[in-house]
Amino acid sequence: WITVLMFGSMILLLLLGLPLAFVTGLIGVVFTLGLYGVDGLQLIASQQPVARDLRLIFSVAFIASELERMADHAKGVAALALRLIDQPMLKPLIDVPRMAEIGRQMLIGQLDAFARCDAEAARALAARDTEVDQLNDQVFRELLVIMMADPRTITRATYLLWVAHNLERFADRTTNIGERVVFLKTNTIVELNE
């Protein structure tokens, strides 16, 4: 439906010559209707939000979606942990717990930055995503060596790779939350950690 929305918006903007502000507002209304139904539209209609209010509404909607996806990643880690629970460890887990802890710190920090509307804190926390990416690469290399040395470890190592991947994606999503904090504060959409 987003493709239809964007195509329809371009028609309104280019062919019918409607003002950009009107088209942007229409996109917001349709987006809100899609996310929250009539209750979301009633909130906007009755409260007459201004630009900052709309940024807050859209940021909250985006962050809620990111949190739901993060819960999916956490669920994936839990499911993989259940598969590994009765298996002997391939190696001491050092980097995977570090990835989880950094991701947890990033999430708590980004939610705090959102509550305080602190774009600088959001940027600083997003920079930690590089640490998680490096740890993910390290886990990948170590497990690849283990799998090559003993093919019987492939299933267990693959499960650990998936755990690390879920933790890496979790950290990426905290960065996305930070991008919304920056948007809320500055009215500029940025890509943190390109």
N, C-alpha and C. Protein backbone atom coordinates (compact mmCIF):
# COMPACT_ATOMS: atom_id res chain seq x y z
N TRP A 1 0.81 -1.20 0.00
CA TRP A 1 0.00 0.00 0.00
C TRP A 1 0.85 1.25 0.00
N ILE A 2 2.10 1.13 0.45
CA ILE A 2 2.98 2.30 0.45
C ILE A 2 3.30 2.71 -0.99
N THR A 3 3.50 1.73 -1.87
CA THR A 3 3.76 2.04 -3.27
C THR A 3 2.59 2.79 -3.88
N VAL A 4 1.38 2.32 -3.60
CA VAL A 4 0.18 2.99 -4.10
C VAL A 4 0.10 4.40 -3.55
N LEU A 5 0.39 4.55 -2.26
CA LEU A 5 0.37 5.87 -1.63
C LEU A 5 1.36 6.82 -2.29
N MET A 6 2.58 6.34 -2.51
CA MET A 6 3.59 7.20 -3.11
C MET A 6 3.23 7.55 -4.55
N PHE A 7 2.73 6.58 -5.31
CA PHE A 7 2.33 6.84 -6.69
C PHE A 7 1.18 7.86 -6.73
N GLY A 8 0.20 7.65 -5.86
CA GLY A 8 -0.92 8.59 -5.79
C GLY A 8 -0.47 9.98 -5.39
N SER A 9 0.50 10.06 -4.49
CA SER A 9 1.01 11.36 -4.06
C SER A 9 1.69 12.09 -5.21
N MET A 10 2.46 11.34 -6.00
CA MET A 10 3.13 11.97 -7.15
C MET A 10 2.10 12.49 -8.16
N ILE A 11 1.02 11.74 -8.35
CA ILE A 11 -0.04 12.22 -9.25
C ILE A 11 -0.63 13.52 -8.72
N LEU A 12 -0.94 13.54 -7.42
CA LEU A 12 -1.51 14.75 -6.82
C LEU A 12 -0.56 15.93 -6.96
N LEU A 13 0.72 15.66 -6.72
CA LEU A 13 1.71 16.72 -6.73
C LEU A 13 2.01 17.21 -8.14
N LEU A 14 2.30 16.29 -9.04
CA LEU A 14 2.76 16.67 -10.38
C LEU A 14 1.64 16.94 -11.37
N LEU A 15 0.68 16.06 -11.44
CA LEU A 15 -0.35 16.20 -12.47
C LEU A 15 -1.43 17.19 -12.09
N LEU A 16 -1.83 17.16 -10.85
CA LEU A 16 -2.91 18.05 -10.44
C LEU A 16 -2.39 19.38 -9.90
N GLY A 17 -1.08 19.44 -9.64
CA GLY A 17 -0.49 20.69 -9.19
C GLY A 17 -0.87 21.09 -7.78
N LEU A 18 -1.26 20.11 -6.96
CA LEU A 18 -1.60 20.44 -5.58
C LEU A 18 -0.34 20.83 -4.81
N PRO A 19 -0.46 21.73 -3.85
CA PRO A 19 0.72 22.17 -3.10
C PRO A 19 1.37 21.02 -2.34
N LEU A 20 2.70 21.10 -2.22
CA LEU A 20 3.47 20.06 -1.54
C LEU A 20 2.99 19.86 -0.11
N ALA A 21 2.69 20.93 0.60
CA ALA A 21 2.23 20.81 1.98
C ALA A 21 0.94 20.00 2.06
N PHE A 22 0.04 20.20 1.12
CA PHE A 22 -1.21 19.44 1.11
C PHE A 22 -0.93 17.96 0.87
N VAL A 23 -0.08 17.69 -0.11
CA VAL A 23 0.25 16.29 -0.43
C VAL A 23 0.93 15.63 0.75
N THR A 24 1.87 16.33 1.39
CA THR A 24 2.56 15.78 2.55
C THR A 24 1.58 15.51 3.68
N GLY A 25 0.67 16.43 3.90
CA GLY A 25 -0.36 16.22 4.93
C GLY A 25 -1.24 15.04 4.61
N LEU A 26 -1.59 14.88 3.34
CA LEU A 26 -2.41 13.75 2.92
C LEU A 26 -1.68 12.43 3.16
N ILE A 27 -0.40 12.40 2.85
CA ILE A 27 0.40 11.20 3.12
C ILE A 27 0.36 10.89 4.61
N GLY A 28 0.52 11.91 5.44
CA GLY A 28 0.47 11.70 6.89
C GLY A 28 -0.86 11.16 7.35
N VAL A 29 -1.93 11.67 6.81
CA VAL A 29 -3.26 11.20 7.18
C VAL A 29 -3.44 9.73 6.78
N VAL A 30 -3.05 9.40 5.55
CA VAL A 30 -3.20 8.01 5.09
C VAL A 30 -2.31 7.09 5.92
N PHE A 31 -1.08 7.53 6.21
CA PHE A 31 -0.16 6.74 7.02
C PHE A 31 -0.76 6.50 8.41
N THR A 32 -1.27 7.54 9.02
CA THR A 32 -1.88 7.42 10.34
C THR A 32 -3.08 6.50 10.31
N LEU A 33 -3.90 6.64 9.29
CA LEU A 33 -5.07 5.76 9.15
C LEU A 33 -4.63 4.31 9.05
N GLY A 34 -3.58 4.07 8.27
CA GLY A 34 -3.08 2.70 8.13
C GLY A 34 -2.53 2.13 9.42
N LEU A 35 -1.86 2.96 10.21
CA LEU A 35 -1.27 2.48 11.46
C LEU A 35 -2.26 2.41 12.61
N TYR A 36 -3.10 3.42 12.74
CA TYR A 36 -3.92 3.55 13.93
C TYR A 36 -5.41 3.54 13.67
N GLY A 37 -5.80 3.50 12.41
CA GLY A 37 -7.22 3.48 12.10
C GLY A 37 -7.86 4.82 12.41
N VAL A 38 -9.15 4.75 12.64
CA VAL A 38 -9.94 5.97 12.86
C VAL A 38 -9.51 6.70 14.12
N ASP A 39 -9.08 5.95 15.16
CA ASP A 39 -8.66 6.61 16.40
C ASP A 39 -7.48 7.55 16.17
N GLY A 40 -6.52 7.12 15.33
CA GLY A 40 -5.38 7.98 15.02
C GLY A 40 -5.79 9.23 14.28
N LEU A 41 -6.69 9.07 13.34
CA LEU A 41 -7.18 10.25 12.60
C LEU A 41 -7.97 11.18 13.50
N GLN A 42 -8.75 10.60 14.40
CA GLN A 42 -9.54 11.43 15.31
C GLN A 42 -8.63 12.24 16.22
N LEU A 43 -7.52 11.63 16.64
CA LEU A 43 -6.55 12.35 17.46
C LEU A 43 -5.98 13.55 16.70
N ILE A 44 -5.57 13.32 15.46
CA ILE A 44 -5.02 14.40 14.66
C ILE A 44 -6.06 15.48 14.40
N ALA A 45 -7.27 15.05 14.03
CA ALA A 45 -8.32 16.02 13.70
C ALA A 45 -8.74 16.84 14.90
N SER A 46 -8.84 16.22 16.06
CA SER A 46 -9.35 16.94 17.23
C SER A 46 -8.29 17.80 17.92
N GLN A 47 -7.04 17.43 17.79
CA GLN A 47 -5.99 18.16 18.51
C GLN A 47 -5.24 19.16 17.64
N GLN A 48 -5.44 19.11 16.33
CA GLN A 48 -4.79 20.02 15.39
C GLN A 48 -3.29 20.15 15.67
N PRO A 49 -2.55 19.06 15.52
CA PRO A 49 -1.13 19.11 15.85
C PRO A 49 -0.35 19.99 14.87
N VAL A 50 0.70 20.62 15.38
CA VAL A 50 1.59 21.41 14.54
C VAL A 50 2.76 20.52 14.13
N ALA A 51 3.71 21.08 13.39
CA ALA A 51 4.79 20.29 12.79
C ALA A 51 5.52 19.42 13.82
N ARG A 52 5.90 19.99 14.95
CA ARG A 52 6.64 19.21 15.95
C ARG A 52 5.76 18.09 16.48
N ASP A 53 4.49 18.37 16.68
CA ASP A 53 3.58 17.33 17.16
C ASP A 53 3.48 16.19 16.15
N LEU A 54 3.39 16.54 14.87
CA LEU A 54 3.33 15.50 13.84
C LEU A 54 4.61 14.70 13.79
N ARG A 55 5.76 15.36 13.96
CA ARG A 55 7.03 14.63 14.01
C ARG A 55 7.03 13.66 15.18
N LEU A 56 6.49 14.09 16.30
CA LEU A 56 6.41 13.21 17.46
C LEU A 56 5.51 12.02 17.18
N ILE A 57 4.34 12.27 16.60
CA ILE A 57 3.41 11.18 16.30
C ILE A 57 4.05 10.17 15.36
N PHE A 58 4.68 10.65 14.28
CA PHE A 58 5.29 9.74 13.32
C PHE A 58 6.51 9.04 13.91
N SER A 59 7.26 9.74 14.76
CA SER A 59 8.42 9.12 15.41
C SER A 59 7.99 8.00 16.35
N VAL A 60 6.95 8.26 17.12
CA VAL A 60 6.44 7.23 18.03
C VAL A 60 5.98 6.01 17.24
N ALA A 61 5.27 6.24 16.13
CA ALA A 61 4.80 5.12 15.31
C ALA A 61 5.98 4.33 14.76
N PHE A 62 7.01 5.03 14.28
CA PHE A 62 8.18 4.37 13.73
C PHE A 62 8.91 3.59 14.82
N ILE A 63 9.09 4.20 15.98
CA ILE A 63 9.81 3.54 17.07
C ILE A 63 9.04 2.32 17.55
N ALA A 64 7.72 2.42 17.60
CA ALA A 64 6.92 1.25 18.00
C ALA A 64 7.14 0.10 17.04
N SER A 65 7.21 0.41 15.76
CA SER A 65 7.46 -0.63 14.76
C SER A 65 8.85 -1.23 14.95
N GLU A 66 9.84 -0.40 15.21
CA GLU A 66 11.20 -0.91 15.45
C GLU A 66 11.25 -1.80 16.70
N LEU A 67 10.56 -1.39 17.75
CA LEU A 67 10.54 -2.19 18.97
C LEU A 67 9.89 -3.55 18.73
N GLU A 68 8.85 -3.57 17.90
CA GLU A 68 8.20 -4.84 17.58
C GLU A 68 9.16 -5.74 16.82
N ARG A 69 9.92 -5.18 15.91
CA ARG A 69 10.91 -5.97 15.16
C ARG A 69 12.03 -6.44 16.08
N MET A 70 12.42 -5.59 17.02
CA MET A 70 13.46 -5.98 17.98
C MET A 70 12.98 -7.15 18.84
N ALA A 71 11.70 -7.13 19.18
CA ALA A 71 11.14 -8.26 19.93
C ALA A 71 11.21 -9.53 19.10
N ASP A 72 11.01 -9.42 17.79
CA ASP A 72 11.15 -10.59 16.92
C ASP A 72 12.58 -11.12 16.95
N HIS A 73 13.56 -10.22 16.94
CA HIS A 73 14.96 -10.66 17.01
C HIS A 73 15.24 -11.33 18.36
N ALA A 74 14.71 -10.77 19.43
CA ALA A 74 14.90 -11.38 20.76
C ALA A 74 14.25 -12.76 20.81
N LYS A 75 13.09 -12.88 20.21
CA LYS A 75 12.41 -14.18 20.15
C LYS A 75 13.26 -15.18 19.36
N GLY A 76 13.88 -14.72 18.28
CA GLY A 76 14.76 -15.58 17.50
C GLY A 76 15.94 -16.07 18.30
N VAL A 77 16.53 -15.18 19.08
CA VAL A 77 17.65 -15.58 19.94
C VAL A 77 17.19 -16.61 20.96
N ALA A 78 16.03 -16.40 21.55
CA ALA A 78 15.52 -17.34 22.55
C ALA A 78 15.26 -18.71 21.92
N ALA A 79 14.70 -18.74 20.74
CA ALA A 79 14.43 -20.02 20.07
C ALA A 79 15.73 -20.75 19.77
N LEU A 80 16.73 -20.02 19.35
CA LEU A 80 18.03 -20.64 19.06
C LEU A 80 18.70 -21.12 20.34
N ALA A 81 18.54 -20.36 21.41
CA ALA A 81 19.11 -20.78 22.70
C ALA A 81 18.50 -22.11 23.15
N LEU A 82 17.20 -22.28 22.91
CA LEU A 82 16.56 -23.56 23.25
C LEU A 82 17.13 -24.71 22.43
N ARG A 83 17.49 -24.45 21.20
CA ARG A 83 18.08 -25.50 20.37
C ARG A 83 19.49 -25.84 20.82
N LEU A 84 20.18 -24.88 21.41
CA LEU A 84 21.57 -25.07 21.81
C LEU A 84 21.74 -25.54 23.26
N ILE A 85 20.67 -25.48 24.03
CA ILE A 85 20.79 -25.68 25.47
C ILE A 85 21.39 -27.04 25.87
N ASP A 86 21.09 -28.07 25.12
CA ASP A 86 21.58 -29.41 25.45
C ASP A 86 22.86 -29.77 24.70
N GLN A 87 23.38 -28.85 23.93
CA GLN A 87 24.56 -29.10 23.11
C GLN A 87 25.82 -28.62 23.82
N PRO A 88 26.93 -29.32 23.61
CA PRO A 88 28.19 -28.82 24.19
C PRO A 88 28.60 -27.51 23.49
N MET A 89 29.20 -26.62 24.23
CA MET A 89 29.63 -25.34 23.68
C MET A 89 30.78 -25.56 22.70
N LEU A 90 30.78 -24.81 21.63
CA LEU A 90 31.87 -24.89 20.66
C LEU A 90 33.11 -24.15 21.14
N LYS A 91 32.86 -23.10 21.88
CA LYS A 91 33.93 -22.26 22.42
C LYS A 91 33.32 -21.41 23.52
N PRO A 92 34.14 -20.86 24.38
CA PRO A 92 33.57 -19.93 25.38
C PRO A 92 32.90 -18.75 24.68
N LEU A 93 31.71 -18.41 25.13
CA LEU A 93 30.99 -17.29 24.53
C LEU A 93 31.45 -16.00 25.19
N ILE A 94 32.16 -15.22 24.43
CA ILE A 94 32.66 -13.93 24.91
C ILE A 94 32.03 -12.81 24.11
N ASP A 95 32.14 -12.89 22.79
CA ASP A 95 31.66 -11.82 21.92
C ASP A 95 30.14 -11.74 21.83
N VAL A 96 29.47 -12.88 21.83
CA VAL A 96 28.00 -12.87 21.73
C VAL A 96 27.37 -12.17 22.94
N PRO A 97 27.77 -12.49 24.16
CA PRO A 97 27.21 -11.74 25.30
C PRO A 97 27.57 -10.25 25.27
N ARG A 98 28.75 -9.92 24.75
CA ARG A 98 29.12 -8.50 24.62
C ARG A 98 28.19 -7.81 23.63
N MET A 99 27.88 -8.49 22.53
CA MET A 99 26.94 -7.92 21.54
C MET A 99 25.59 -7.66 22.20
N ALA A 100 25.12 -8.63 22.98
CA ALA A 100 23.82 -8.48 23.64
C ALA A 100 23.84 -7.31 24.62
N GLU A 101 24.92 -7.19 25.37
CA GLU A 101 25.00 -6.11 26.36
C GLU A 101 25.08 -4.73 25.69
N ILE A 102 25.86 -4.62 24.64
CA ILE A 102 25.94 -3.34 23.93
C ILE A 102 24.57 -2.99 23.35
N GLY A 103 23.90 -3.97 22.75
CA GLY A 103 22.56 -3.73 22.20
C GLY A 103 21.58 -3.28 23.28
N ARG A 104 21.66 -3.90 24.45
CA ARG A 104 20.79 -3.51 25.56
C ARG A 104 21.07 -2.08 26.00
N GLN A 105 22.36 -1.74 26.13
CA GLN A 105 22.73 -0.38 26.51
C GLN A 105 22.28 0.63 25.46
N MET A 106 22.43 0.26 24.19
CA MET A 106 22.00 1.16 23.11
C MET A 106 20.50 1.41 23.17
N LEU A 107 19.72 0.35 23.39
CA LEU A 107 18.27 0.50 23.44
C LEU A 107 17.85 1.39 24.60
N ILE A 108 18.36 1.11 25.77
CA ILE A 108 18.01 1.92 26.94
C ILE A 108 18.42 3.37 26.71
N GLY A 109 19.61 3.56 26.16
CA GLY A 109 20.10 4.92 25.90
C GLY A 109 19.27 5.65 24.85
N GLN A 110 18.89 4.94 23.78
CA GLN A 110 18.10 5.59 22.73
C GLN A 110 16.71 5.95 23.24
N LEU A 111 16.11 5.09 24.03
CA LEU A 111 14.79 5.42 24.58
C LEU A 111 14.89 6.61 25.52
N ASP A 112 15.98 6.69 26.28
CA ASP A 112 16.21 7.84 27.14
C ASP A 112 16.44 9.10 26.30
N ALA A 113 17.23 8.97 25.23
CA ALA A 113 17.47 10.11 24.34
C ALA A 113 16.15 10.58 23.71
N PHE A 114 15.29 9.63 23.37
CA PHE A 114 13.98 9.99 22.81
C PHE A 114 13.16 10.76 23.85
N ALA A 115 13.14 10.25 25.07
CA ALA A 115 12.36 10.90 26.13
C ALA A 115 12.86 12.32 26.39
N ARG A 116 14.17 12.54 26.27
CA ARG A 116 14.76 13.86 26.51
C ARG A 116 14.91 14.68 25.23
N CYS A 117 14.58 14.05 24.08
CA CYS A 117 14.73 14.69 22.76
C CYS A 117 16.18 15.16 22.59
N ASP A 118 17.12 14.26 22.86
CA ASP A 118 18.55 14.57 22.87
C ASP A 118 19.20 13.95 21.63
N ALA A 119 19.31 14.76 20.58
CA ALA A 119 19.86 14.27 19.31
C ALA A 119 21.33 13.90 19.43
N GLU A 120 22.09 14.64 20.22
CA GLU A 120 23.52 14.34 20.36
C GLU A 120 23.74 12.99 21.05
N ALA A 121 22.95 12.71 22.07
CA ALA A 121 23.05 11.40 22.73
C ALA A 121 22.67 10.29 21.77
N ALA A 122 21.64 10.54 20.96
CA ALA A 122 21.22 9.54 19.98
C ALA A 122 22.33 9.26 18.98
N ARG A 123 23.01 10.29 18.53
CA ARG A 123 24.12 10.11 17.59
C ARG A 123 25.26 9.32 18.23
N ALA A 124 25.60 9.67 19.46
CA ALA A 124 26.70 8.98 20.16
C ALA A 124 26.38 7.50 20.37
N LEU A 125 25.15 7.22 20.75
CA LEU A 125 24.76 5.82 20.96
C LEU A 125 24.77 5.05 19.64
N ALA A 126 24.33 5.67 18.57
CA ALA A 126 24.30 5.00 17.27
C ALA A 126 25.71 4.62 16.82
N ALA A 127 26.70 5.39 17.23
CA ALA A 127 28.08 5.09 16.87
C ALA A 127 28.53 3.74 17.44
N ARG A 128 27.88 3.29 18.50
CA ARG A 128 28.24 2.00 19.10
C ARG A 128 27.84 0.82 18.23
N ASP A 129 27.00 1.07 17.23
CA ASP A 129 26.61 0.00 16.32
C ASP A 129 27.83 -0.59 15.62
N THR A 130 28.84 0.24 15.40
CA THR A 130 30.08 -0.24 14.77
C THR A 130 30.74 -1.31 15.63
N GLU A 131 30.70 -1.16 16.94
CA GLU A 131 31.25 -2.18 17.85
C GLU A 131 30.54 -3.51 17.64
N VAL A 132 29.22 -3.45 17.57
CA VAL A 132 28.44 -4.68 17.39
C VAL A 132 28.74 -5.31 16.04
N ASP A 133 28.87 -4.49 15.01
CA ASP A 133 29.21 -5.00 13.68
C ASP A 133 30.56 -5.70 13.69
N GLN A 134 31.53 -5.11 14.38
CA GLN A 134 32.87 -5.71 14.46
C GLN A 134 32.83 -7.03 15.23
N LEU A 135 32.06 -7.06 16.31
CA LEU A 135 31.94 -8.31 17.07
C LEU A 135 31.25 -9.38 16.23
N ASN A 136 30.24 -8.99 15.48
CA ASN A 136 29.55 -9.94 14.60
C ASN A 136 30.53 -10.53 13.58
N ASP A 137 31.37 -9.69 13.00
CA ASP A 137 32.38 -10.17 12.05
C ASP A 137 33.35 -11.13 12.72
N GLN A 138 33.73 -10.80 13.95
CA GLN A 138 34.66 -11.66 14.71
C GLN A 138 34.02 -13.02 14.99
N VAL A 139 32.78 -13.03 15.42
CA VAL A 139 32.07 -14.28 15.68
C VAL A 139 32.00 -15.10 14.39
N PHE A 140 31.67 -14.45 13.30
CA PHE A 140 31.58 -15.15 12.01
C PHE A 140 32.90 -15.82 11.66
N ARG A 141 34.01 -15.08 11.77
CA ARG A 141 35.32 -15.63 11.42
C ARG A 141 35.67 -16.82 12.32
N GLU A 142 35.46 -16.66 13.62
CA GLU A 142 35.81 -17.74 14.55
C GLU A 142 34.98 -19.00 14.29
N LEU A 143 33.69 -18.82 14.08
CA LEU A 143 32.83 -19.99 13.85
C LEU A 143 33.11 -20.63 12.49
N LEU A 144 33.48 -19.85 11.52
CA LEU A 144 33.84 -20.41 10.22
C LEU A 144 35.06 -21.32 10.35
N VAL A 145 36.05 -20.89 11.11
CA VAL A 145 37.24 -21.70 11.34
C VAL A 145 36.86 -23.01 12.04
N ILE A 146 35.99 -22.91 13.04
CA ILE A 146 35.55 -24.10 13.77
C ILE A 146 34.82 -25.07 12.84
N MET A 147 33.93 -24.54 12.01
CA MET A 147 33.18 -25.40 11.09
C MET A 147 34.10 -26.06 10.06
N MET A 148 35.11 -25.34 9.60
CA MET A 148 36.03 -25.92 8.62
C MET A 148 36.88 -27.01 9.25
N ALA A 149 37.24 -26.82 10.51
CA ALA A 149 38.06 -27.81 11.20
C ALA A 149 37.28 -29.07 11.56
N ASP A 150 35.99 -28.92 11.83
CA ASP A 150 35.18 -30.07 12.22
C ASP A 150 33.76 -29.90 11.69
N PRO A 151 33.45 -30.49 10.54
CA PRO A 151 32.12 -30.33 9.94
C PRO A 151 30.96 -30.79 10.84
N ARG A 152 31.23 -31.57 11.85
CA ARG A 152 30.16 -32.00 12.76
C ARG A 152 29.63 -30.83 13.60
N THR A 153 30.35 -29.72 13.60
CA THR A 153 29.93 -28.55 14.39
C THR A 153 29.06 -27.58 13.59
N ILE A 154 28.82 -27.88 12.33
CA ILE A 154 28.15 -26.92 11.45
C ILE A 154 26.78 -26.49 11.98
N THR A 155 25.98 -27.42 12.45
CA THR A 155 24.64 -27.05 12.93
C THR A 155 24.73 -26.12 14.13
N ARG A 156 25.53 -26.49 15.12
CA ARG A 156 25.65 -25.64 16.31
C ARG A 156 26.25 -24.28 15.97
N ALA A 157 27.26 -24.28 15.12
CA ALA A 157 27.90 -23.03 14.74
C ALA A 157 26.92 -22.14 13.96
N THR A 158 26.12 -22.76 13.12
CA THR A 158 25.14 -21.99 12.36
C THR A 158 24.12 -21.35 13.29
N TYR A 159 23.69 -22.08 14.31
CA TYR A 159 22.77 -21.49 15.28
C TYR A 159 23.40 -20.28 15.96
N LEU A 160 24.68 -20.39 16.32
CA LEU A 160 25.35 -19.25 16.94
C LEU A 160 25.50 -18.09 15.95
N LEU A 161 25.74 -18.39 14.69
CA LEU A 161 25.79 -17.32 13.68
C LEU A 161 24.46 -16.59 13.60
N TRP A 162 23.37 -17.34 13.68
CA TRP A 162 22.05 -16.72 13.63
C TRP A 162 21.80 -15.87 14.88
N VAL A 163 22.28 -16.36 16.03
CA VAL A 163 22.15 -15.57 17.26
C VAL A 163 22.89 -14.23 17.07
N ALA A 164 24.13 -14.31 16.60
CA ALA A 164 24.92 -13.09 16.40
C ALA A 164 24.24 -12.17 15.39
N HIS A 165 23.68 -12.75 14.33
CA HIS A 165 22.98 -11.95 13.33
C HIS A 165 21.78 -11.22 13.95
N ASN A 166 21.00 -11.94 14.76
CA ASN A 166 19.85 -11.30 15.43
C ASN A 166 20.30 -10.16 16.34
N LEU A 167 21.41 -10.35 17.04
CA LEU A 167 21.91 -9.31 17.93
C LEU A 167 22.42 -8.11 17.11
N GLU A 168 23.03 -8.39 15.98
CA GLU A 168 23.51 -7.31 15.11
C GLU A 168 22.33 -6.51 14.56
N ARG A 169 21.27 -7.17 14.14
CA ARG A 169 20.07 -6.49 13.64
C ARG A 169 19.39 -5.70 14.76
N PHE A 170 19.39 -6.25 15.97
CA PHE A 170 18.84 -5.55 17.13
C PHE A 170 19.54 -4.20 17.30
N ALA A 171 20.87 -4.23 17.23
CA ALA A 171 21.64 -2.98 17.37
C ALA A 171 21.35 -2.03 16.21
N ASP A 172 21.20 -2.57 15.00
CA ASP A 172 20.85 -1.72 13.86
C ASP A 172 19.52 -1.00 14.12
N ARG A 173 18.58 -1.69 14.70
CA ARG A 173 17.27 -1.09 14.94
C ARG A 173 17.34 -0.02 16.03
N THR A 174 18.25 -0.17 16.99
CA THR A 174 18.41 0.92 17.96
C THR A 174 18.97 2.16 17.27
N THR A 175 19.81 1.94 16.27
CA THR A 175 20.31 3.07 15.48
C THR A 175 19.17 3.75 14.74
N ASN A 176 18.24 2.95 14.22
CA ASN A 176 17.07 3.52 13.55
C ASN A 176 16.26 4.38 14.51
N ILE A 177 16.15 3.95 15.76
CA ILE A 177 15.45 4.75 16.76
C ILE A 177 16.19 6.07 16.96
N GLY A 178 17.52 6.01 17.01
CA GLY A 178 18.31 7.23 17.14
C GLY A 178 18.08 8.19 15.99
N GLU A 179 17.90 7.64 14.79
CA GLU A 179 17.61 8.50 13.64
C GLU A 179 16.30 9.24 13.82
N ARG A 180 15.33 8.60 14.44
CA ARG A 180 14.05 9.27 14.70
C ARG A 180 14.18 10.32 15.78
N VAL A 181 15.07 10.09 16.73
CA VAL A 181 15.31 11.11 17.76
C VAL A 181 15.90 12.36 17.09
N VAL A 182 16.86 12.16 16.20
CA VAL A 182 17.45 13.29 15.48
C VAL A 182 16.38 13.99 14.65
N PHE A 183 15.53 13.23 13.97
CA PHE A 183 14.45 13.81 13.18
C PHE A 183 13.51 14.64 14.06
N LEU A 184 13.16 14.09 15.21
CA LEU A 184 12.25 14.79 16.12
C LEU A 184 12.85 16.13 16.54
N LYS A 185 14.13 16.14 16.84
CA LYS A 185 14.79 17.34 17.33
C LYS A 185 15.09 18.34 16.21
N THR A 186 15.53 17.85 15.03
CA THR A 186 16.06 18.74 14.01
C THR A 186 15.18 18.88 12.77
N ASN A 187 14.16 18.05 12.65
CA ASN A 187 13.30 18.02 11.46
C ASN A 187 14.10 17.60 10.22
N THR A 188 15.15 16.83 10.43
CA THR A 188 15.99 16.34 9.34
C THR A 188 16.12 14.83 9.47
N ILE A 189 15.85 14.13 8.38
CA ILE A 189 16.02 12.67 8.39
C ILE A 189 17.47 12.39 8.02
N VAL A 190 18.16 11.68 8.89
CA VAL A 190 19.58 11.38 8.69
C VAL A 190 19.78 9.86 8.72
N GLU A 191 20.86 9.43 8.10
CA GLU A 191 21.30 8.05 8.19
C GLU A 191 22.49 8.04 9.13
N LEU A 192 22.33 7.48 10.29
CA LEU A 192 23.44 7.37 11.23
C LEU A 192 24.23 6.11 10.89
N ASN A 193 25.53 6.21 10.96
CA ASN A 193 26.42 5.07 10.69
C ASN A 193 26.30 4.55 9.27
N GLU A 194 26.35 5.41 8.31
CA GLU A 194 26.29 4.95 6.91
C GLU A 194 27.49 4.12 6.57
